[in-house]
Amino acid sequence: MNSSGCTDVIDPELPAPLPPSAWKSLHTQWARLRAIDVPALFGLDPQRFERLSHTHDGLLLDFSKQRIDPTALESLLGLARAAGLERGVEALFGARPLNFTENRAALHMALRGGCEAPPAERPGLHATEQGLRTFAERVRGGAHRGASGEPIGLVVNLGIGGSDLGPRMVVEALSPSSPGNGPDVRFVANPDPLELDSVLAEASPHTTLFIISSKSFGTAETLANAETARTWLRAGLGLNTGLGPHLAAVSNAVDAARGFGIPEEHIFPLPEWVGGRYSVWSAIGLPARIALGNPAFDALLDGGRSIDRHFREAPLERNLPVLLGLIGIWNASIADIGTLALLPYSHALRSLPAWLQQLEMESNGKHCRRDGTPTPVATAPVIWGGAGTVGQHAFHQLLYQGTRAVAVDFVVPVNGSDPRSRMLVDNALAQSSALMCGRTLAAATEELRVKRGLNAEETARLAPHLACAGNQPSTTLLLPQLTPYRLGQLMALYEHKVFVQGWLWGINSFDQYGVELGKDMARALASGREDSADPSTAGLLAAAQAMRQQP
């Protein structure tokens, strides 16, 4: 353990993290650009949009509204080359143990055909996939029936974190356009009884199937909900009724799942080298298979594979995940912008910000590098956001006139000629323009004097309140439409963006030891070891206990 609190773990097969001096040229570039308004950069370079936007397989990524220019971008690309990013990408796809703290590869791409799985594991992966396909179609088509012979009408996924956020987002995004009349698919993550109770209030135990999604079959929150679900089934079906038709599991702990009462043919494992936040492509995607059907899920995998190929093959300067990652590093590590707002202009993508929160903050919310030293620059920003245009009537005011710099990603499905979709696209592009251009005091004065006809005194009084600073940096990603294929592209794009950033920062994007600390402390308190609590927590525990005893 060194003075930073990091464990000294050095993998001789990995390059050393970048020295602090490697970042100096970027700080020099930022000192030059921070004094230049972004609209002025368009005046200096009439081809700026063409230079700072790139396409791949139908997607368009535009970062011309970022406070960056080709010279600074070349410095970022130089940093990527100095860090051996191309070597890192091949190590990722080549099954090297890039999760070096746990000595594992990170091969979620193999589950969508983006690379090869280890040969010894391929038969098992194939068998699991076939089992998933068959089970999903039987449930979806009504062939799988409950204990009383009725088809399943409701599937409830019990999981948390990556066992919830990915499949939930996929189902929300694609269910409105999915063919067929499969069962309703719902998700419960919170152990707060209200969430599960609200789902079961209108459900019948005769037609409900629970999927318990826990790789270890030991996640406390998920097992608490699973116990409640099993009790509900017994109460509704009778104590002597076998519950097997109403239970399935995605877990590697086959014995524990079987001991819970789940038939072995309903237990679907996932590889150890798939982390939770990357696991929707695995058996964790079972509820999405049931909701959408296997053809749609296959198209999701195809979209992810499209980005895998591009990430491996495209040169750095035209590589969408690389460019997206480098822009994020520019904002978070160089421009000291500590937050990124993800704004999908699509109601179907309303859970995309929550999915990206886990993907990015759990992956790269770290300070310890491969050699045990602390990072010399800031790492992952705080991710937040919400669906547009709803956010325009809530938090966009801070983006326009607040005191904080906020980076923004606009995700905009164009969705054909539907006039309602056209409104969303127009609003998204107008927001990105307004955040960049702002409104000067002179323009605000002109607005009040000429267009509103106010006198000089009122104009002078109100004009400062209408002024907007502008220069809020944004990236816009256009998708032709929201389909399973396009969603797969979008998710893989952000997955690889996270890898790019973690590689340049020199951290491990595939472990989550900070999360384990919180779990350990919760287990200690649950076991009655109040003596392990700090004084504040001990006081709160005593107060909570007193409140429980009050009438």
Protein backbone atom coordinates (compact mmCIF):
# COMPACT_ATOMS: atom_id res chain seq x y z
CA MET A 1 0.00 0.00 0.00
CA ASN A 2 1.47 3.34 -0.98
CA SER A 3 0.83 6.78 0.46
CA SER A 4 -2.09 7.39 -1.89
CA GLY A 5 -4.01 4.44 -0.47
CA CYS A 6 -3.61 2.46 -3.70
CA THR A 7 -2.53 -1.14 -3.78
CA ASP A 8 0.69 -1.62 -5.74
CA VAL A 9 -0.40 -3.90 -8.60
CA ILE A 10 1.88 -3.85 -11.65
CA ASP A 11 1.21 -6.11 -14.64
CA PRO A 12 4.42 -6.35 -16.65
CA GLU A 13 2.40 -7.10 -19.80
CA LEU A 14 0.71 -3.69 -19.67
CA PRO A 15 2.40 -0.40 -20.54
CA ALA A 16 3.13 1.98 -17.69
CA PRO A 17 0.54 4.73 -17.19
CA LEU A 18 1.28 8.09 -18.75
CA PRO A 19 3.61 10.30 -16.70
CA PRO A 20 2.23 13.64 -15.49
CA SER A 21 4.39 15.43 -18.07
CA ALA A 22 2.39 13.80 -20.88
CA TRP A 23 -0.59 15.99 -20.02
CA LYS A 24 1.28 19.33 -20.16
CA SER A 25 0.76 19.99 -23.87
CA LEU A 26 -2.99 19.62 -23.42
CA HIS A 27 -3.01 22.14 -20.59
CA THR A 28 -1.11 24.51 -22.89
CA GLN A 29 -3.73 24.01 -25.60
CA TRP A 30 -6.53 24.68 -23.12
CA ALA A 31 -4.86 27.91 -21.96
CA ARG A 32 -4.95 29.06 -25.59
CA LEU A 33 -8.54 28.00 -26.32
CA ARG A 34 -10.28 28.97 -23.10
CA ALA A 35 -10.09 32.65 -24.12
CA ILE A 36 -11.78 32.01 -27.50
CA ASP A 37 -15.55 31.78 -27.83
CA VAL A 38 -16.65 28.67 -29.71
CA PRO A 39 -18.67 30.63 -32.33
CA ALA A 40 -15.46 32.47 -33.19
CA LEU A 41 -13.80 29.14 -33.97
CA PHE A 42 -16.30 28.64 -36.79
CA GLY A 43 -15.25 32.02 -38.18
CA LEU A 44 -11.61 30.97 -38.09
CA ASP A 45 -12.35 27.66 -39.86
CA PRO A 46 -15.29 27.58 -42.30
CA GLN A 47 -14.86 23.79 -42.62
CA ARG A 48 -15.02 23.26 -38.86
CA PHE A 49 -18.17 21.12 -38.96
CA GLU A 50 -16.70 18.88 -41.65
CA ARG A 51 -13.42 18.55 -39.74
CA LEU A 52 -15.02 17.84 -36.37
CA SER A 53 -17.84 15.49 -37.28
CA HIS A 54 -17.52 11.88 -38.36
CA THR A 55 -19.85 9.09 -39.47
CA HIS A 56 -19.97 5.32 -39.27
CA ASP A 57 -22.68 2.95 -40.50
CA GLY A 58 -25.46 5.52 -40.33
CA LEU A 59 -24.38 7.33 -37.15
CA LEU A 60 -23.13 10.93 -37.14
CA LEU A 61 -21.00 12.24 -34.27
CA ASP A 62 -20.54 16.02 -34.22
CA PHE A 63 -18.24 17.66 -31.68
CA SER A 64 -17.73 20.95 -33.52
CA LYS A 65 -19.51 22.74 -30.66
CA GLN A 66 -16.82 21.66 -28.21
CA ARG A 67 -14.20 24.23 -27.22
CA ILE A 68 -11.51 22.48 -29.17
CA ASP A 69 -9.79 22.86 -32.54
CA PRO A 70 -7.84 20.51 -34.83
CA THR A 71 -4.55 21.43 -33.16
CA ALA A 72 -5.82 20.49 -29.71
CA LEU A 73 -7.46 17.38 -31.13
CA GLU A 74 -4.14 16.31 -32.58
CA SER A 75 -2.60 16.69 -29.12
CA LEU A 76 -5.31 14.43 -27.73
CA LEU A 77 -4.63 11.87 -30.44
CA GLY A 78 -0.95 12.13 -29.62
CA LEU A 79 -1.77 11.36 -25.99
CA ALA A 80 -3.73 8.29 -27.11
CA ARG A 81 -0.80 7.08 -29.18
CA ALA A 82 1.64 7.71 -26.33
CA ALA A 83 -0.60 5.65 -24.05
CA GLY A 84 -0.54 2.75 -26.52
CA LEU A 85 -4.30 2.89 -27.07
CA GLU A 86 -4.20 0.80 -30.25
CA ARG A 87 -2.26 -1.84 -28.35
CA GLY A 88 -4.82 -1.64 -25.57
CA VAL A 89 -7.72 -2.18 -27.97
CA GLU A 90 -6.09 -5.33 -29.33
CA ALA A 91 -5.41 -6.52 -25.78
CA LEU A 92 -9.09 -5.99 -24.96
CA PHE A 93 -10.33 -7.99 -27.95
CA GLY A 94 -7.55 -10.53 -27.52
CA ALA A 95 -8.81 -11.73 -24.12
CA ARG A 96 -5.88 -10.32 -22.17
CA PRO A 97 -6.61 -9.90 -18.42
CA LEU A 98 -7.20 -6.15 -18.57
CA ASN A 99 -9.23 -6.46 -15.39
CA PHE A 100 -5.85 -6.81 -13.73
CA THR A 101 -7.00 -6.58 -10.11
CA GLU A 102 -9.17 -9.67 -10.58
CA ASN A 103 -6.99 -11.27 -13.26
CA ARG A 104 -9.81 -11.48 -15.78
CA ALA A 105 -10.40 -10.54 -19.37
CA ALA A 106 -13.31 -8.25 -20.27
CA LEU A 107 -14.87 -10.05 -23.20
CA HIS A 108 -18.49 -8.88 -23.31
CA MET A 109 -17.90 -8.21 -27.05
CA ALA A 110 -17.65 -11.99 -27.59
CA LEU A 111 -21.31 -12.38 -26.64
CA ARG A 112 -22.33 -10.28 -29.64
CA GLY A 113 -19.76 -11.79 -32.00
CA GLY A 114 -17.38 -8.85 -31.82
CA CYS A 115 -14.46 -11.14 -30.96
CA GLU A 116 -13.78 -14.78 -30.14
CA ALA A 117 -14.55 -16.33 -26.78
CA PRO A 118 -11.89 -18.61 -25.24
CA PRO A 119 -12.07 -21.95 -27.12
CA ALA A 120 -12.75 -24.02 -24.01
CA GLU A 121 -15.81 -21.92 -23.20
CA ARG A 122 -17.44 -21.85 -26.61
CA PRO A 123 -19.51 -25.05 -26.25
CA GLY A 124 -20.95 -23.87 -22.93
CA LEU A 125 -21.71 -20.41 -24.30
CA HIS A 126 -23.44 -21.96 -27.32
CA ALA A 127 -25.53 -24.23 -25.10
CA THR A 128 -26.57 -21.31 -22.90
CA GLU A 129 -27.52 -19.21 -25.90
CA GLN A 130 -29.65 -21.99 -27.34
CA GLY A 131 -31.33 -22.48 -23.97
CA LEU A 132 -32.07 -18.75 -23.75
CA ARG A 133 -33.50 -18.63 -27.25
CA THR A 134 -35.76 -21.61 -26.64
CA PHE A 135 -36.95 -20.46 -23.24
CA ALA A 136 -37.60 -16.90 -24.42
CA GLU A 137 -39.66 -18.09 -27.39
CA ARG A 138 -41.65 -20.54 -25.27
CA VAL A 139 -42.52 -17.84 -22.73
CA ARG A 140 -43.17 -15.25 -25.41
CA GLY A 141 -45.30 -17.57 -27.52
CA GLY A 142 -47.37 -19.03 -24.67
CA ALA A 143 -45.94 -22.57 -24.79
CA HIS A 144 -44.38 -22.18 -21.33
CA ARG A 145 -47.20 -22.37 -18.82
CA GLY A 146 -47.60 -21.83 -15.12
CA ALA A 147 -48.42 -24.45 -12.51
CA SER A 148 -52.14 -24.22 -13.23
CA GLY A 149 -51.69 -24.56 -17.00
CA GLU A 150 -52.13 -20.91 -17.94
CA PRO A 151 -49.66 -19.07 -20.21
CA ILE A 152 -47.37 -16.48 -18.70
CA GLY A 153 -48.73 -12.95 -18.97
CA LEU A 154 -46.22 -11.11 -16.77
CA VAL A 155 -42.46 -11.51 -16.43
CA VAL A 156 -40.81 -9.73 -13.49
CA ASN A 157 -37.04 -9.34 -13.51
CA LEU A 158 -35.56 -9.16 -10.02
CA GLY A 159 -32.06 -7.70 -10.24
CA ILE A 160 -30.08 -4.60 -9.39
CA GLY A 161 -27.26 -2.62 -10.98
CA GLY A 162 -26.17 -4.21 -14.24
CA SER A 163 -28.75 -6.95 -13.80
CA ASP A 164 -31.44 -4.28 -14.05
CA LEU A 165 -30.30 -1.10 -15.80
CA GLY A 166 -29.24 -2.59 -19.14
CA PRO A 167 -32.20 -4.87 -19.84
CA ARG A 168 -34.63 -2.30 -18.40
CA MET A 169 -33.32 0.38 -20.76
CA VAL A 170 -33.43 -1.95 -23.76
CA VAL A 171 -36.99 -3.04 -23.05
CA GLU A 172 -38.18 0.54 -22.51
CA ALA A 173 -36.47 1.72 -25.66
CA LEU A 174 -37.68 -1.01 -28.00
CA SER A 175 -40.93 -2.46 -26.64
CA PRO A 176 -43.17 0.14 -28.34
CA SER A 177 -41.99 -1.11 -31.74
CA SER A 178 -41.51 -4.81 -31.00
CA PRO A 179 -43.73 -7.23 -32.97
CA GLY A 180 -46.01 -9.81 -31.44
CA ASN A 181 -48.05 -10.03 -28.27
CA GLY A 182 -45.66 -11.43 -25.71
CA PRO A 183 -46.06 -11.05 -21.96
CA ASP A 184 -45.63 -7.76 -20.16
CA VAL A 185 -42.06 -7.45 -18.82
CA ARG A 186 -41.42 -5.44 -15.67
CA PHE A 187 -38.33 -4.71 -13.61
CA VAL A 188 -37.87 -4.51 -9.84
CA ALA A 189 -34.53 -3.43 -8.38
CA ASN A 190 -35.25 -1.62 -5.14
CA PRO A 191 -35.70 -3.67 -1.96
CA ASP A 192 -38.14 -0.99 -0.82
CA PRO A 193 -41.37 -3.04 -0.65
CA LEU A 194 -43.25 -0.36 -2.57
CA GLU A 195 -41.62 -1.20 -5.91
CA LEU A 196 -42.37 -4.94 -5.90
CA ASP A 197 -45.75 -4.51 -4.22
CA SER A 198 -46.87 -2.06 -6.90
CA VAL A 199 -46.02 -4.58 -9.62
CA LEU A 200 -47.75 -7.48 -7.86
CA ALA A 201 -50.85 -5.50 -6.93
CA GLU A 202 -52.40 -6.13 -10.36
CA ALA A 203 -50.69 -9.47 -11.09
CA SER A 204 -51.89 -13.04 -10.83
CA PRO A 205 -49.55 -15.69 -9.42
CA HIS A 206 -51.01 -18.15 -11.95
CA THR A 207 -49.57 -16.18 -14.89
CA THR A 208 -46.44 -14.55 -13.43
CA LEU A 209 -42.83 -15.62 -14.02
CA PHE A 210 -39.96 -14.23 -11.93
CA ILE A 211 -36.41 -14.05 -13.30
CA ILE A 212 -33.90 -13.77 -10.46
CA SER A 213 -30.83 -12.09 -11.97
CA SER A 214 -27.80 -12.35 -9.73
CA LYS A 215 -24.46 -13.68 -10.95
CA SER A 216 -23.54 -14.86 -7.44
CA PHE A 217 -27.10 -15.56 -6.31
CA GLY A 218 -25.99 -13.64 -3.24
CA THR A 219 -27.00 -10.04 -3.94
CA ALA A 220 -28.83 -9.03 -0.77
CA GLU A 221 -31.34 -6.68 -2.38
CA THR A 222 -32.27 -9.14 -5.12
CA LEU A 223 -32.61 -12.09 -2.76
CA ALA A 224 -34.85 -10.05 -0.45
CA ASN A 225 -37.19 -9.39 -3.37
CA ALA A 226 -36.94 -13.03 -4.48
CA GLU A 227 -38.04 -14.23 -1.02
CA THR A 228 -41.02 -11.88 -1.16
CA ALA A 229 -41.91 -13.13 -4.65
CA ARG A 230 -41.70 -16.79 -3.57
CA THR A 231 -43.93 -16.11 -0.54
CA TRP A 232 -46.44 -14.37 -2.83
CA LEU A 233 -46.47 -17.32 -5.22
CA ARG A 234 -47.02 -19.82 -2.40
CA ALA A 235 -49.87 -17.78 -0.98
CA GLY A 236 -51.56 -17.57 -4.36
CA LEU A 237 -50.88 -21.05 -5.73
CA GLY A 238 -51.07 -23.12 -2.56
CA LEU A 239 -48.35 -24.50 -0.32
CA ASN A 240 -48.25 -27.86 -2.08
CA THR A 241 -47.93 -26.45 -5.61
CA GLY A 242 -44.54 -26.65 -7.29
CA LEU A 243 -43.28 -23.18 -8.08
CA GLY A 244 -40.75 -24.23 -10.72
CA PRO A 245 -42.77 -23.03 -13.74
CA HIS A 246 -42.85 -19.55 -12.21
CA LEU A 247 -39.14 -19.18 -11.47
CA ALA A 248 -36.01 -18.72 -13.58
CA ALA A 249 -32.55 -17.50 -12.73
CA VAL A 250 -29.57 -15.91 -14.42
CA SER A 251 -26.73 -16.97 -12.15
CA ASN A 252 -23.47 -18.86 -11.96
CA ALA A 253 -24.37 -20.24 -8.54
CA VAL A 254 -26.38 -23.16 -9.91
CA ASP A 255 -26.56 -25.02 -6.60
CA ALA A 256 -27.87 -21.95 -4.75
CA ALA A 257 -30.45 -21.26 -7.45
CA ARG A 258 -31.55 -24.89 -7.46
CA GLY A 259 -31.81 -24.81 -3.68
CA PHE A 260 -34.14 -21.83 -3.98
CA GLY A 261 -36.52 -23.98 -5.99
CA ILE A 262 -35.55 -23.07 -9.53
CA PRO A 263 -35.47 -25.96 -12.04
CA GLU A 264 -32.01 -26.51 -13.47
CA GLU A 265 -33.30 -26.08 -17.02
CA HIS A 266 -34.41 -22.55 -16.03
CA ILE A 267 -30.95 -21.54 -14.74
CA PHE A 268 -28.80 -19.65 -17.25
CA PRO A 269 -25.16 -18.87 -16.39
CA LEU A 270 -22.98 -16.06 -17.71
CA PRO A 271 -19.20 -15.97 -18.09
CA GLU A 272 -17.04 -14.73 -15.26
CA TRP A 273 -15.38 -12.27 -17.66
CA VAL A 274 -18.58 -10.27 -18.11
CA GLY A 275 -19.01 -7.45 -15.63
CA GLY A 276 -22.50 -6.47 -14.55
CA ARG A 277 -22.61 -3.14 -16.34
CA TYR A 278 -21.59 -4.87 -19.60
CA SER A 279 -23.85 -7.89 -19.17
CA VAL A 280 -27.01 -7.07 -21.13
CA TRP A 281 -25.49 -8.97 -24.07
CA SER A 282 -25.35 -12.14 -21.92
CA ALA A 283 -28.05 -14.21 -20.22
CA ILE A 284 -28.84 -11.05 -18.23
CA GLY A 285 -30.62 -9.96 -21.42
CA LEU A 286 -33.22 -12.74 -21.00
CA PRO A 287 -36.09 -10.36 -20.07
CA ALA A 288 -35.28 -8.30 -23.17
CA ARG A 289 -35.32 -11.45 -25.33
CA ILE A 290 -38.77 -12.28 -23.94
CA ALA A 291 -40.08 -8.74 -24.41
CA LEU A 292 -38.70 -8.18 -27.91
CA GLY A 293 -38.26 -11.63 -29.42
CA ASN A 294 -35.06 -13.28 -30.56
CA PRO A 295 -34.87 -11.55 -33.99
CA ALA A 296 -34.93 -8.10 -32.38
CA PHE A 297 -32.38 -9.16 -29.78
CA ASP A 298 -30.19 -10.52 -32.58
CA ALA A 299 -30.38 -7.12 -34.28
CA LEU A 300 -29.27 -5.48 -31.02
CA LEU A 301 -26.22 -7.76 -31.01
CA ASP A 302 -25.57 -6.95 -34.67
CA GLY A 303 -25.50 -3.24 -33.89
CA GLY A 304 -23.01 -3.73 -31.10
CA ARG A 305 -20.85 -5.84 -33.40
CA SER A 306 -20.84 -3.02 -35.98
CA ILE A 307 -19.20 -0.70 -33.45
CA ASP A 308 -16.80 -3.43 -32.32
CA ARG A 309 -15.47 -3.77 -35.86
CA HIS A 310 -15.22 -0.01 -36.26
CA PHE A 311 -13.43 0.39 -32.92
CA ARG A 312 -10.84 -2.22 -33.87
CA GLU A 313 -10.31 -1.18 -37.47
CA ALA A 314 -10.84 2.56 -37.90
CA PRO A 315 -7.84 4.86 -37.48
CA LEU A 316 -7.86 6.84 -34.25
CA GLU A 317 -8.62 10.14 -35.97
CA ARG A 318 -11.86 8.76 -37.50
CA ASN A 319 -12.82 6.33 -34.73
CA LEU A 320 -16.09 7.31 -33.08
CA PRO A 321 -15.54 5.69 -29.64
CA VAL A 322 -12.00 7.08 -29.56
CA LEU A 323 -13.11 10.59 -30.44
CA LEU A 324 -16.00 10.49 -27.97
CA GLY A 325 -13.61 9.31 -25.26
CA LEU A 326 -10.97 11.92 -26.05
CA ILE A 327 -13.51 14.75 -25.95
CA GLY A 328 -14.65 13.47 -22.56
CA ILE A 329 -11.04 13.50 -21.33
CA TRP A 330 -10.56 17.02 -22.70
CA ASN A 331 -13.56 18.26 -20.70
CA ALA A 332 -13.09 16.29 -17.48
CA SER A 333 -9.30 16.21 -17.17
CA ILE A 334 -8.15 19.38 -18.95
CA ALA A 335 -11.03 21.89 -18.92
CA ASP A 336 -12.00 20.87 -15.36
CA ILE A 337 -15.64 20.27 -16.25
CA GLY A 338 -16.77 17.83 -13.60
CA THR A 339 -20.17 16.88 -14.98
CA LEU A 340 -21.68 15.47 -18.17
CA ALA A 341 -25.39 15.77 -18.96
CA LEU A 342 -26.71 13.06 -21.26
CA LEU A 343 -29.83 14.34 -23.02
CA PRO A 344 -31.63 11.80 -25.23
CA TYR A 345 -34.31 13.46 -27.30
CA SER A 346 -36.51 10.39 -27.17
CA HIS A 347 -38.94 9.25 -24.51
CA ALA A 348 -37.99 5.67 -25.30
CA LEU A 349 -34.41 6.45 -24.21
CA ARG A 350 -35.43 8.02 -20.89
CA SER A 351 -33.37 5.45 -18.94
CA LEU A 352 -30.23 5.94 -21.04
CA PRO A 353 -28.74 8.46 -18.55
CA ALA A 354 -29.19 6.00 -15.66
CA TRP A 355 -27.57 3.22 -17.69
CA LEU A 356 -24.62 5.45 -18.56
CA GLN A 357 -24.29 6.56 -14.94
CA GLN A 358 -23.40 3.03 -13.92
CA LEU A 359 -21.36 2.28 -17.03
CA GLU A 360 -19.16 5.35 -16.75
CA MET A 361 -19.09 6.19 -13.05
CA GLU A 362 -18.67 2.61 -11.81
CA SER A 363 -16.08 1.90 -14.49
CA ASN A 364 -13.96 5.04 -14.29
CA GLY A 365 -14.84 6.63 -10.96
CA LYS A 366 -11.39 5.74 -9.64
CA HIS A 367 -8.06 7.34 -8.80
CA CYS A 368 -5.61 4.39 -8.63
CA ARG A 369 -3.57 3.56 -11.72
CA ARG A 370 -2.08 0.29 -12.90
CA ASP A 371 1.20 0.96 -11.10
CA GLY A 372 -0.50 1.85 -7.81
CA THR A 373 0.00 5.61 -8.15
CA PRO A 374 -2.81 8.18 -8.12
CA THR A 375 -3.95 9.74 -11.38
CA PRO A 376 -2.40 13.17 -12.09
CA VAL A 377 -5.68 14.43 -13.59
CA ALA A 378 -9.38 14.21 -12.77
CA THR A 379 -11.11 11.08 -14.03
CA ALA A 380 -14.81 10.31 -14.62
CA PRO A 381 -17.27 13.19 -14.43
CA VAL A 382 -20.62 13.03 -12.68
CA ILE A 383 -23.18 11.71 -15.18
CA TRP A 384 -26.77 12.89 -15.07
CA GLY A 385 -29.50 13.89 -17.50
CA GLY A 386 -33.02 13.32 -18.65
CA ALA A 387 -35.19 13.11 -21.72
CA GLY A 388 -35.61 16.18 -23.90
CA THR A 389 -37.68 18.25 -24.33
CA VAL A 390 -38.87 17.62 -20.78
CA GLY A 391 -35.52 18.77 -19.38
CA GLN A 392 -35.84 22.10 -21.18
CA HIS A 393 -38.65 22.93 -18.78
CA ALA A 394 -36.67 21.80 -15.73
CA PHE A 395 -32.88 21.99 -15.52
CA HIS A 396 -31.82 23.64 -18.79
CA GLN A 397 -32.08 27.04 -17.10
CA LEU A 398 -28.88 26.22 -15.21
CA LEU A 399 -27.17 25.26 -18.46
CA TYR A 400 -28.02 28.65 -19.95
CA GLN A 401 -27.40 31.03 -17.09
CA GLY A 402 -25.90 29.08 -14.19
CA THR A 403 -22.38 29.50 -12.86
CA ARG A 404 -21.09 26.00 -13.72
CA ALA A 405 -19.63 24.66 -16.92
CA VAL A 406 -21.51 21.53 -17.97
CA ALA A 407 -20.60 19.26 -20.87
CA VAL A 408 -23.58 17.88 -22.78
CA ASP A 409 -24.16 14.88 -25.03
CA PHE A 410 -27.28 15.18 -27.18
CA VAL A 411 -28.52 11.79 -28.44
CA VAL A 412 -31.05 12.36 -31.21
CA PRO A 413 -32.92 9.65 -33.14
CA VAL A 414 -34.20 11.32 -36.32
CA ASN A 415 -37.03 8.76 -36.74
CA GLY A 416 -38.22 9.51 -40.24
CA SER A 417 -40.95 11.98 -41.20
CA ASP A 418 -43.16 11.85 -38.10
CA PRO A 419 -43.88 15.56 -37.32
CA ARG A 420 -43.75 14.85 -33.60
CA SER A 421 -40.23 13.45 -34.00
CA ARG A 422 -39.32 16.49 -36.10
CA MET A 423 -40.21 18.68 -33.12
CA LEU A 424 -37.77 16.72 -30.93
CA VAL A 425 -34.98 16.99 -33.50
CA ASP A 426 -35.56 20.72 -33.95
CA ASN A 427 -35.52 21.25 -30.20
CA ALA A 428 -32.33 19.24 -29.72
CA LEU A 429 -30.42 21.09 -32.42
CA ALA A 430 -31.74 24.45 -31.21
CA GLN A 431 -30.65 23.67 -27.66
CA SER A 432 -27.13 22.74 -28.74
CA SER A 433 -26.88 25.94 -30.79
CA ALA A 434 -28.23 28.17 -28.05
CA LEU A 435 -25.94 26.65 -25.41
CA MET A 436 -22.95 27.37 -27.64
CA CYS A 437 -23.92 30.81 -28.95
CA GLY A 438 -25.63 32.22 -25.88
CA ARG A 439 -27.03 35.76 -25.95
CA THR A 440 -24.82 38.78 -25.46
CA LEU A 441 -25.85 41.80 -23.42
CA ALA A 442 -26.06 43.80 -26.66
CA ALA A 443 -28.35 41.18 -28.23
CA ALA A 444 -30.51 41.13 -25.10
CA THR A 445 -30.75 44.92 -25.22
CA GLU A 446 -31.77 44.81 -28.87
CA GLU A 447 -34.38 42.13 -28.13
CA LEU A 448 -36.00 44.26 -25.43
CA ARG A 449 -35.77 47.58 -27.23
CA VAL A 450 -36.75 46.61 -30.76
CA LYS A 451 -38.82 43.43 -30.56
CA ARG A 452 -40.56 44.11 -27.26
CA GLY A 453 -40.71 47.87 -27.50
CA LEU A 454 -39.50 48.63 -23.98
CA ASN A 455 -38.20 52.04 -23.03
CA ALA A 456 -34.55 52.69 -22.28
CA GLU A 457 -34.93 52.39 -18.51
CA GLU A 458 -36.73 49.04 -18.63
CA THR A 459 -34.33 47.76 -21.26
CA ALA A 460 -31.31 48.59 -19.12
CA ARG A 461 -32.95 46.97 -16.08
CA LEU A 462 -33.90 43.70 -17.75
CA ALA A 463 -31.15 43.15 -20.29
CA PRO A 464 -28.64 41.58 -17.84
CA HIS A 465 -31.29 38.99 -16.91
CA LEU A 466 -31.72 37.93 -20.53
CA ALA A 467 -28.02 37.58 -21.28
CA CYS A 468 -26.61 34.03 -21.56
CA ALA A 469 -22.89 33.36 -21.52
CA GLY A 470 -22.89 30.56 -24.10
CA ASN A 471 -19.81 28.40 -24.66
CA GLN A 472 -21.37 25.38 -22.97
CA PRO A 473 -19.67 22.49 -24.81
CA SER A 474 -21.81 19.83 -26.43
CA THR A 475 -21.53 16.79 -28.67
CA THR A 476 -24.46 15.65 -30.82
CA LEU A 477 -25.01 12.05 -31.92
CA LEU A 478 -27.59 11.56 -34.66
CA LEU A 479 -29.19 8.14 -35.20
CA PRO A 480 -31.34 7.56 -38.31
CA GLN A 481 -34.03 5.95 -36.13
CA LEU A 482 -34.34 4.04 -32.88
CA THR A 483 -34.25 0.35 -33.79
CA PRO A 484 -32.64 -2.65 -32.08
CA TYR A 485 -29.64 -2.33 -34.42
CA ARG A 486 -29.19 1.38 -33.69
CA LEU A 487 -29.58 0.88 -29.96
CA GLY A 488 -26.90 -1.82 -30.07
CA GLN A 489 -24.60 0.64 -31.84
CA LEU A 490 -25.31 3.33 -29.27
CA MET A 491 -24.60 1.11 -26.29
CA ALA A 492 -21.39 -0.33 -27.73
CA LEU A 493 -20.24 3.19 -28.67
CA TYR A 494 -20.44 4.31 -25.04
CA GLU A 495 -18.94 1.06 -23.74
CA HIS A 496 -15.84 1.56 -25.86
CA LYS A 497 -15.72 5.26 -25.02
CA VAL A 498 -15.41 4.26 -21.37
CA PHE A 499 -12.57 1.87 -22.20
CA VAL A 500 -10.68 4.58 -24.11
CA GLN A 501 -10.87 6.92 -21.14
CA GLY A 502 -9.91 4.29 -18.59
CA TRP A 503 -6.92 3.25 -20.70
CA LEU A 504 -5.59 6.81 -21.01
CA TRP A 505 -6.12 7.47 -17.32
CA GLY A 506 -4.30 4.21 -16.57
CA ILE A 507 -7.07 2.80 -14.37
CA ASN A 508 -8.99 -0.49 -14.37
CA SER A 509 -12.42 0.13 -15.88
CA PHE A 510 -13.65 -3.37 -14.99
CA ASP A 511 -13.59 -3.68 -11.19
CA GLN A 512 -15.65 -1.88 -8.52
CA TYR A 513 -14.01 -2.22 -5.15
CA GLY A 514 -15.56 1.01 -3.87
CA VAL A 515 -19.00 -0.56 -4.26
CA GLU A 516 -17.82 -3.54 -2.21
CA LEU A 517 -16.81 -1.24 0.66
CA GLY A 518 -20.37 0.03 1.00
CA LYS A 519 -21.76 -3.51 0.87
CA ASP A 520 -19.35 -4.66 3.59
CA MET A 521 -20.39 -1.83 5.88
CA ALA A 522 -24.09 -2.52 5.27
CA ARG A 523 -23.57 -6.20 6.14
CA ALA A 524 -21.78 -5.23 9.33
CA LEU A 525 -24.67 -3.03 10.45
CA ALA A 526 -27.27 -5.64 9.44
CA SER A 527 -25.49 -8.25 11.56
CA GLY A 528 -25.80 -6.05 14.63
CA ARG A 529 -22.18 -4.93 14.81
CA GLU A 530 -23.05 -1.34 15.73
CA ASP A 531 -19.68 -1.04 17.44
CA SER A 532 -18.11 -0.92 13.97
CA ALA A 533 -20.00 2.28 13.11
CA ASP A 534 -18.57 5.77 13.32
CA PRO A 535 -20.15 8.12 15.94
CA SER A 536 -22.49 9.79 13.46
CA THR A 537 -23.77 6.48 12.06
CA ALA A 538 -24.13 5.03 15.55
CA GLY A 539 -26.27 8.03 16.51
CA LEU A 540 -28.44 7.62 13.43
CA LEU A 541 -28.90 3.91 14.13
CA ALA A 542 -30.06 4.68 17.65
CA ALA A 543 -32.46 7.33 16.37
CA ALA A 544 -33.87 4.95 13.76
CA GLN A 545 -34.36 2.25 16.39
CA ALA A 546 -36.22 4.73 18.59
CA MET A 547 -38.48 5.73 15.71
CA ARG A 548 -39.37 2.08 15.06
CA GLN A 549 -40.57 1.75 18.63
CA GLN A 550 -42.85 4.77 18.41
CA PRO A 551 -46.56 4.15 17.78
